Every structure is written in structure tokens, then in C-alpha cells.
Amino acid sequence: MQTHQELRPRERSNVSLADRAYRIRRHALLMGEVQGQGYIAQALGIADVLAVSYFHALTYRPEDPEWEGRDRFLLSIGHYAIALYAALIEAGIIPEDELTSYGGDDSRLPMSGMAAYTPGMEITGGSLGHGLGIAVGRALGLKRKGAKSFVYNLFSDGELDEGSTWEAAMSASAFKLDNLIGIVDVNGMQADGPSRGVLNFEPLAPKFEAFGWFVQRVDGNDLEALVAAFDAARNHEGQCPRIVICDTKMAKGVPFLEERERNHFLRVEAAEWREALTVLDEGRVQ
């Protein structure tokens, strides 16, 4: 199999991953300000994972989002669309001037991700628990075509409550899908409250190991740990699917939002958006 570097279509710029993550967070806040509310805590929390995905791990061509040789990044969690849009803007797949259209009529950036609308959006997510099954199908199809591409699937800890997720996990192992890399965002919060209070899925790593996956668990807001885990997942030699379990902090980078007790869906006062941007900018300088 060709290496990631051989597959890479062009060299990325010298911008650091920390700066990429900062800019992804900033794009997300600016989009959130347009609507005054949204799933901004998830976007801030997953920004480091997206920075490593799009500026270290994935092979793609920004000017040609449907290039056949690309790695596929599937967003199972449709309401995380604001986060993925921020990454696609930073990657140059979506023009930055579309940011202010977020959630508007005729926008290519609807509040829940839809593949028919948005360049770089591989699937229409939102019916939680379906993403990993779609990823299994995509990965199996690519293997049967002899393609070298990987399929990355980002899903949430809430989707661990869905039986279809575990059916897909079992299928991925049975089909020996070594081109499938799952990424689960364990941020500990669901719409109905803390994840473990809804349906406790821990201990999580041993469960995926029992299903035949190569498993790593890392701090999802530690860029160095993420880089190492993504590299190990891609380069693992076993004929098995791989998963990186990412423990993230909701609203990471904006402390006054981090501290909110219920932040699954945030309603932010008009003045607080400017405050959030200021706090984020100040944190970048430190």
C-alpha cells in the first residue's frame, strides 16, 4: 500500500496545527453569531480533531472535492455541521465569504449537514447511529475497487446508544476493513443530559477491542497526542478497522462557555459572541 506522503496531492502550508485549530474555532464562532445559537460547544470541542484530520491526516484536493483519490471524511453527527464547515473553510474547500450565510435561505451551509448542498460534505448526517454503517459500506466498496483511500468517520458518544453503531462495528471487523478509521467524540454530553446518565457506555475501549478493532484513546484536545494516534491508526498493519476515541471538552477555548452546565445547544447573548471571540484571541497569544 502506498504511504500517506506518496498519496498526498500537494504540500500543506507551514501554518501550525494550533493555528489551524484556532482558526476553525474562530470560523465556528462567527457562524454561530449569525444565528445567535447553535451547537457551538461541540464545534469548539472538536476543533483540534478537525485540524489534525484536514491538515495532517487526510488526502484531498481543495479545488476538487470529488476527486476519486481522496480520503473520505464522513460526518455522522449532522448537527456538528458548523464545525465541519469551519474546517472546510479553513481547508479552502468552501470560500470564507460564505461564512455569513450560515443557516440562511439558499445557503450552502444549512444548520444540519447535507451532502447535496455542501462541497466536501460526504453524507447527510443527523439520524444518529447511521454514520458508521455508511462508512462500512464506503470502505468495503473502496476495497473492492482496489482503491488506496481511507474512510474516516466522526461520530458522537451519543451514537454509542444506538444498536446500529454496534452492528456496523461488528461488520467492519468481519470484513477486515483496514481502510476504515473511526473517530468518536466523547464529550460527555447529550441532549438529555450527561452521556453516562443516559446510557453508560464505559468501559469503551475494551468494547471496541472485543469487536476486533485496533483501539486508541487520547485527549481529543491534545494536538500532539492526536497526530500520534492518527498516524498509528493509518499505519497499523493488522487487517482490522481502527478507532481513535477522543475525550474532548465542550466549548474548549472559551472558558465562560466551558463552564455552562447544559451546553449541548447553546443560546448565546449578542454581546457574548464578541466576548467569546476576544477570549479566544487572547488565549491564542498566551
Protein backbone atom coordinates (compact mmCIF):
# COMPACT_ATOMS: atom_id res chain seq x y z
CA MET A 1 0.00 0.00 0.00
CA GLN A 2 1.27 3.47 -0.83
CA THR A 3 2.17 5.67 2.09
CA HIS A 4 0.21 8.75 3.14
CA GLN A 5 3.01 11.02 1.94
CA GLU A 6 3.03 9.41 -1.51
CA LEU A 7 -0.71 9.86 -1.77
CA ARG A 8 -0.72 13.47 -0.63
CA PRO A 9 -1.75 15.60 -3.65
CA ARG A 10 0.05 18.73 -2.57
CA GLU A 11 2.08 20.04 0.32
CA ARG A 12 0.12 21.80 3.02
CA SER A 13 1.30 25.26 4.10
CA ASN A 14 3.56 25.85 7.06
CA VAL A 15 0.69 27.07 9.27
CA SER A 16 0.82 25.20 12.58
CA LEU A 17 -1.91 22.81 13.67
CA ALA A 18 -2.50 25.03 16.70
CA ASP A 19 -3.22 27.96 14.40
CA ARG A 20 -5.49 25.80 12.26
CA ALA A 21 -7.46 24.74 15.33
CA TYR A 22 -7.70 28.35 16.49
CA ARG A 23 -8.99 29.46 13.10
CA ILE A 24 -11.51 26.61 12.95
CA ARG A 25 -12.84 27.74 16.34
CA ARG A 26 -12.98 31.34 15.15
CA HIS A 27 -14.85 30.45 11.95
CA ALA A 28 -17.34 28.48 14.04
CA LEU A 29 -17.94 31.36 16.45
CA LEU A 30 -18.51 33.77 13.56
CA MET A 31 -21.06 31.39 12.05
CA GLY A 32 -22.74 30.90 15.41
CA GLU A 33 -23.06 34.65 15.77
CA VAL A 34 -25.06 34.76 12.53
CA GLN A 35 -27.81 32.63 14.08
CA GLY A 36 -27.25 33.60 17.71
CA GLN A 37 -27.37 29.99 18.83
CA GLY A 38 -26.33 26.51 17.86
CA TYR A 39 -24.06 23.57 18.52
CA ILE A 40 -21.10 25.81 19.13
CA ALA A 41 -19.82 23.93 22.20
CA GLN A 42 -19.32 20.79 20.10
CA ALA A 43 -17.58 22.81 17.37
CA LEU A 44 -15.13 24.33 19.83
CA GLY A 45 -14.52 20.95 21.43
CA ILE A 46 -13.83 19.04 18.21
CA ALA A 47 -11.70 21.73 16.51
CA ASP A 48 -8.39 20.07 17.37
CA VAL A 49 -9.56 16.75 15.90
CA LEU A 50 -10.63 18.51 12.71
CA ALA A 51 -7.35 20.41 12.47
CA VAL A 52 -5.37 17.17 12.64
CA SER A 53 -7.78 15.48 10.22
CA TYR A 54 -7.64 18.13 7.49
CA PHE A 55 -4.09 19.42 7.93
CA HIS A 56 -2.20 16.26 8.82
CA ALA A 57 -4.09 13.06 8.09
CA LEU A 58 -6.43 13.41 5.12
CA THR A 59 -5.50 13.27 1.45
CA TYR A 60 -7.70 15.56 -0.65
CA ARG A 61 -7.69 18.32 -3.27
CA PRO A 62 -9.42 21.52 -2.10
CA GLU A 63 -10.07 22.58 -5.67
CA ASP A 64 -11.66 19.20 -6.50
CA PRO A 65 -13.72 17.93 -3.52
CA GLU A 66 -14.96 14.92 -5.50
CA TRP A 67 -11.51 13.76 -6.64
CA GLU A 68 -11.69 9.97 -6.73
CA GLY A 69 -8.35 9.52 -4.97
CA ARG A 70 -9.40 11.45 -1.87
CA ASP A 71 -9.83 10.08 1.61
CA ARG A 72 -13.48 10.26 2.66
CA PHE A 73 -14.36 12.14 5.85
CA LEU A 74 -17.89 11.25 6.93
CA LEU A 75 -19.69 13.40 9.49
CA SER A 76 -22.21 11.11 11.12
CA ILE A 77 -23.28 13.81 13.58
CA GLY A 78 -25.28 16.13 11.33
CA HIS A 79 -25.65 18.82 13.98
CA TYR A 80 -21.84 19.18 14.09
CA ALA A 81 -22.06 20.70 10.60
CA ILE A 82 -20.97 24.12 11.89
CA ALA A 83 -17.70 22.51 12.99
CA LEU A 84 -17.09 20.77 9.68
CA TYR A 85 -17.96 23.92 7.70
CA ALA A 86 -15.33 25.76 9.73
CA ALA A 87 -12.75 23.11 8.78
CA LEU A 88 -13.81 23.11 5.12
CA ILE A 89 -13.48 26.91 5.04
CA GLU A 90 -10.03 26.70 6.60
CA ALA A 91 -9.07 23.98 4.09
CA GLY A 92 -10.12 26.17 1.15
CA ILE A 93 -12.90 23.84 0.02
CA ILE A 94 -15.59 26.44 0.88
CA PRO A 95 -14.91 30.18 0.35
CA GLU A 96 -14.61 32.12 3.59
CA ASP A 97 -17.06 34.75 2.37
CA GLU A 98 -19.86 32.17 2.59
CA LEU A 99 -19.45 32.05 6.34
CA THR A 100 -22.07 34.75 6.94
CA SER A 101 -24.68 32.74 5.01
CA TYR A 102 -24.72 30.00 7.66
CA GLY A 103 -28.22 28.67 8.25
CA GLY A 104 -29.82 31.14 5.83
CA ASP A 105 -32.22 30.59 2.96
CA ASP A 106 -30.46 29.19 -0.13
CA SER A 107 -27.20 28.83 1.82
CA ARG A 108 -24.79 26.00 1.05
CA LEU A 109 -24.26 25.82 4.82
CA PRO A 110 -27.51 24.54 6.38
CA MET A 111 -27.60 24.07 10.14
CA SER A 112 -27.57 20.28 9.76
CA GLY A 113 -25.10 18.78 7.29
CA MET A 114 -26.50 17.81 3.89
CA ALA A 115 -24.32 16.31 1.17
CA ALA A 116 -26.48 17.71 -1.63
CA TYR A 117 -25.74 21.28 -0.56
CA THR A 118 -22.14 21.49 0.59
CA PRO A 119 -18.84 20.74 -1.18
CA GLY A 120 -16.78 18.36 0.94
CA MET A 121 -19.78 17.06 2.90
CA GLU A 122 -19.71 13.35 2.07
CA ILE A 123 -23.01 12.26 3.66
CA THR A 124 -26.22 13.72 5.03
CA GLY A 125 -25.95 13.06 8.74
CA GLY A 126 -28.34 13.65 11.59
CA SER A 127 -30.15 10.36 12.04
CA LEU A 128 -27.71 9.35 14.73
CA GLY A 129 -26.24 5.87 14.56
CA HIS A 130 -26.20 5.65 10.75
CA GLY A 131 -22.79 7.12 10.01
CA LEU A 132 -20.63 4.15 10.93
CA GLY A 133 -22.81 1.83 8.85
CA ILE A 134 -22.42 4.12 5.83
CA ALA A 135 -18.67 4.27 6.47
CA VAL A 136 -18.51 0.45 6.46
CA GLY A 137 -20.23 0.41 3.08
CA ARG A 138 -17.93 3.09 1.66
CA ALA A 139 -14.81 1.36 2.97
CA LEU A 140 -15.93 -2.02 1.63
CA GLY A 141 -16.68 -0.52 -1.78
CA LEU A 142 -13.29 1.16 -1.97
CA LYS A 143 -11.51 -2.07 -1.05
CA ARG A 144 -13.36 -3.99 -3.74
CA LYS A 145 -12.33 -1.35 -6.29
CA GLY A 146 -8.72 -1.67 -5.19
CA ALA A 147 -8.61 1.97 -4.07
CA LYS A 148 -5.93 3.15 -1.64
CA SER A 149 -8.18 5.74 0.03
CA PHE A 150 -9.17 5.68 3.69
CA VAL A 151 -12.61 6.35 5.13
CA TYR A 152 -12.71 8.42 8.31
CA ASN A 153 -15.97 8.52 10.23
CA LEU A 154 -16.58 11.04 13.02
CA PHE A 155 -19.40 10.06 15.34
CA SER A 156 -20.50 11.01 18.83
CA ASP A 157 -20.70 9.29 22.19
CA GLY A 158 -24.50 9.66 21.93
CA GLU A 159 -24.40 7.36 18.92
CA LEU A 160 -22.98 4.64 21.12
CA ASP A 161 -26.53 4.31 22.46
CA GLU A 162 -27.68 3.11 19.02
CA GLY A 163 -27.65 -0.59 18.23
CA SER A 164 -26.87 0.11 14.58
CA THR A 165 -23.49 1.53 15.62
CA TRP A 166 -22.52 -1.80 17.16
CA GLU A 167 -23.84 -3.79 14.19
CA ALA A 168 -21.59 -1.65 11.99
CA ALA A 169 -18.67 -2.16 14.35
CA MET A 170 -19.09 -5.93 14.13
CA SER A 171 -19.43 -5.78 10.33
CA ALA A 172 -16.28 -3.68 9.93
CA SER A 173 -14.25 -6.29 11.74
CA ALA A 174 -15.84 -9.18 9.86
CA PHE A 175 -14.98 -7.53 6.53
CA LYS A 176 -11.41 -6.75 7.69
CA LEU A 177 -11.79 -3.09 6.81
CA ASP A 178 -8.27 -1.86 7.43
CA ASN A 179 -9.11 1.27 5.41
CA LEU A 180 -11.69 2.44 7.97
CA ILE A 181 -10.76 4.81 10.79
CA GLY A 182 -13.47 5.67 13.28
CA ILE A 183 -13.25 8.79 15.43
CA VAL A 184 -15.61 9.01 18.37
CA ASP A 185 -16.08 12.33 20.16
CA VAL A 186 -16.57 11.58 23.83
CA ASN A 187 -17.58 14.98 25.19
CA GLY A 188 -19.83 13.55 27.88
CA MET A 189 -22.98 15.49 26.98
CA GLN A 190 -26.16 14.61 25.09
CA ALA A 191 -29.41 16.45 24.52
CA ASP A 192 -30.96 14.71 27.56
CA GLY A 193 -28.01 15.34 29.85
CA PRO A 194 -24.64 13.77 30.72
CA SER A 195 -23.92 10.81 28.44
CA ARG A 196 -23.23 8.31 31.20
CA GLY A 197 -26.53 9.20 32.81
CA VAL A 198 -28.44 8.45 29.60
CA LEU A 199 -26.81 5.07 28.89
CA ASN A 200 -23.37 4.36 30.30
CA PHE A 201 -21.13 3.05 27.51
CA GLU A 202 -17.96 2.71 29.58
CA PRO A 203 -15.55 0.98 29.55
CA LEU A 204 -15.47 1.91 25.88
CA ALA A 205 -12.03 0.86 24.64
CA PRO A 206 -12.41 -2.80 25.70
CA LYS A 207 -15.76 -2.96 23.91
CA PHE A 208 -14.24 -1.98 20.56
CA GLU A 209 -11.27 -4.27 21.19
CA ALA A 210 -13.71 -7.14 21.75
CA PHE A 211 -15.31 -6.29 18.40
CA GLY A 212 -11.92 -6.71 16.71
CA TRP A 213 -10.82 -3.08 16.29
CA PHE A 214 -7.39 -1.53 16.78
CA VAL A 215 -8.18 0.96 19.55
CA GLN A 216 -6.51 4.08 20.88
CA ARG A 217 -7.90 6.55 23.43
CA VAL A 218 -6.46 10.06 23.65
CA ASP A 219 -7.12 13.55 24.91
CA GLY A 220 -9.00 14.97 21.94
CA ASN A 221 -7.74 18.48 22.68
CA ASP A 222 -4.05 17.47 22.67
CA LEU A 223 -2.72 18.05 19.17
CA GLU A 224 0.47 16.01 19.61
CA ALA A 225 -1.45 13.05 21.00
CA LEU A 226 -3.93 13.27 18.13
CA VAL A 227 -1.19 13.34 15.49
CA ALA A 228 0.46 10.28 17.00
CA ALA A 229 -2.85 8.42 17.25
CA PHE A 230 -3.94 9.25 13.69
CA ASP A 231 -0.55 8.15 12.35
CA ALA A 232 -0.70 4.90 14.32
CA ALA A 233 -4.23 4.24 13.08
CA ARG A 234 -3.29 4.79 9.45
CA ASN A 235 -0.09 2.77 9.64
CA HIS A 236 -1.35 -0.15 11.73
CA GLU A 237 -0.52 -3.37 9.89
CA GLY A 238 -3.35 -5.57 11.12
CA GLN A 239 -6.31 -6.35 8.84
CA CYS A 240 -8.82 -4.68 11.10
CA PRO A 241 -10.68 -1.39 11.41
CA ARG A 242 -9.14 1.28 13.61
CA ILE A 243 -10.70 3.72 16.04
CA VAL A 244 -9.45 6.78 17.89
CA ILE A 245 -11.55 7.54 20.96
CA CYS A 246 -11.22 11.26 21.65
CA ASP A 247 -12.09 12.70 25.04
CA THR A 248 -12.91 16.34 24.35
CA LYS A 249 -14.05 19.33 26.39
CA MET A 250 -17.24 21.07 25.29
CA ALA A 251 -16.63 24.72 24.28
CA LYS A 252 -12.85 24.27 24.54
CA GLY A 253 -11.02 27.60 24.32
CA VAL A 254 -13.80 29.81 25.69
CA PRO A 255 -13.82 29.25 29.49
CA PHE A 256 -17.09 31.02 30.27
CA LEU A 257 -18.87 28.72 27.79
CA GLU A 258 -16.97 25.67 29.04
CA GLU A 259 -18.48 26.26 32.48
CA ARG A 260 -22.11 26.26 31.39
CA GLU A 261 -23.91 23.31 32.90
CA ARG A 262 -26.05 22.44 29.88
CA ASN A 263 -24.22 23.29 26.69
CA HIS A 264 -25.48 20.73 24.18
CA PHE A 265 -27.29 23.52 22.34
CA LEU A 266 -26.12 26.99 23.31
CA ARG A 267 -28.09 30.20 23.17
CA VAL A 268 -25.56 32.98 23.41
CA GLU A 269 -26.42 36.62 24.07
CA ALA A 270 -25.41 39.09 21.34
CA ALA A 271 -22.62 40.69 23.37
CA GLU A 272 -21.27 37.29 24.40
CA TRP A 273 -20.26 36.39 20.85
CA ARG A 274 -17.81 39.30 20.80
CA GLU A 275 -16.61 38.33 24.27
CA ALA A 276 -16.09 34.75 23.12
CA LEU A 277 -14.00 35.90 20.16
CA THR A 278 -11.96 38.18 22.39
CA VAL A 279 -11.29 35.38 24.89
CA LEU A 280 -10.35 33.00 22.08
CA ASP A 281 -7.97 35.55 20.55
CA GLU A 282 -6.36 36.27 23.92
CA GLY A 283 -5.91 32.56 24.57
CA ARG A 284 -4.10 32.18 21.27
CA VAL A 285 -1.49 34.76 22.27
CA GLN A 286 -0.71 33.15 25.63
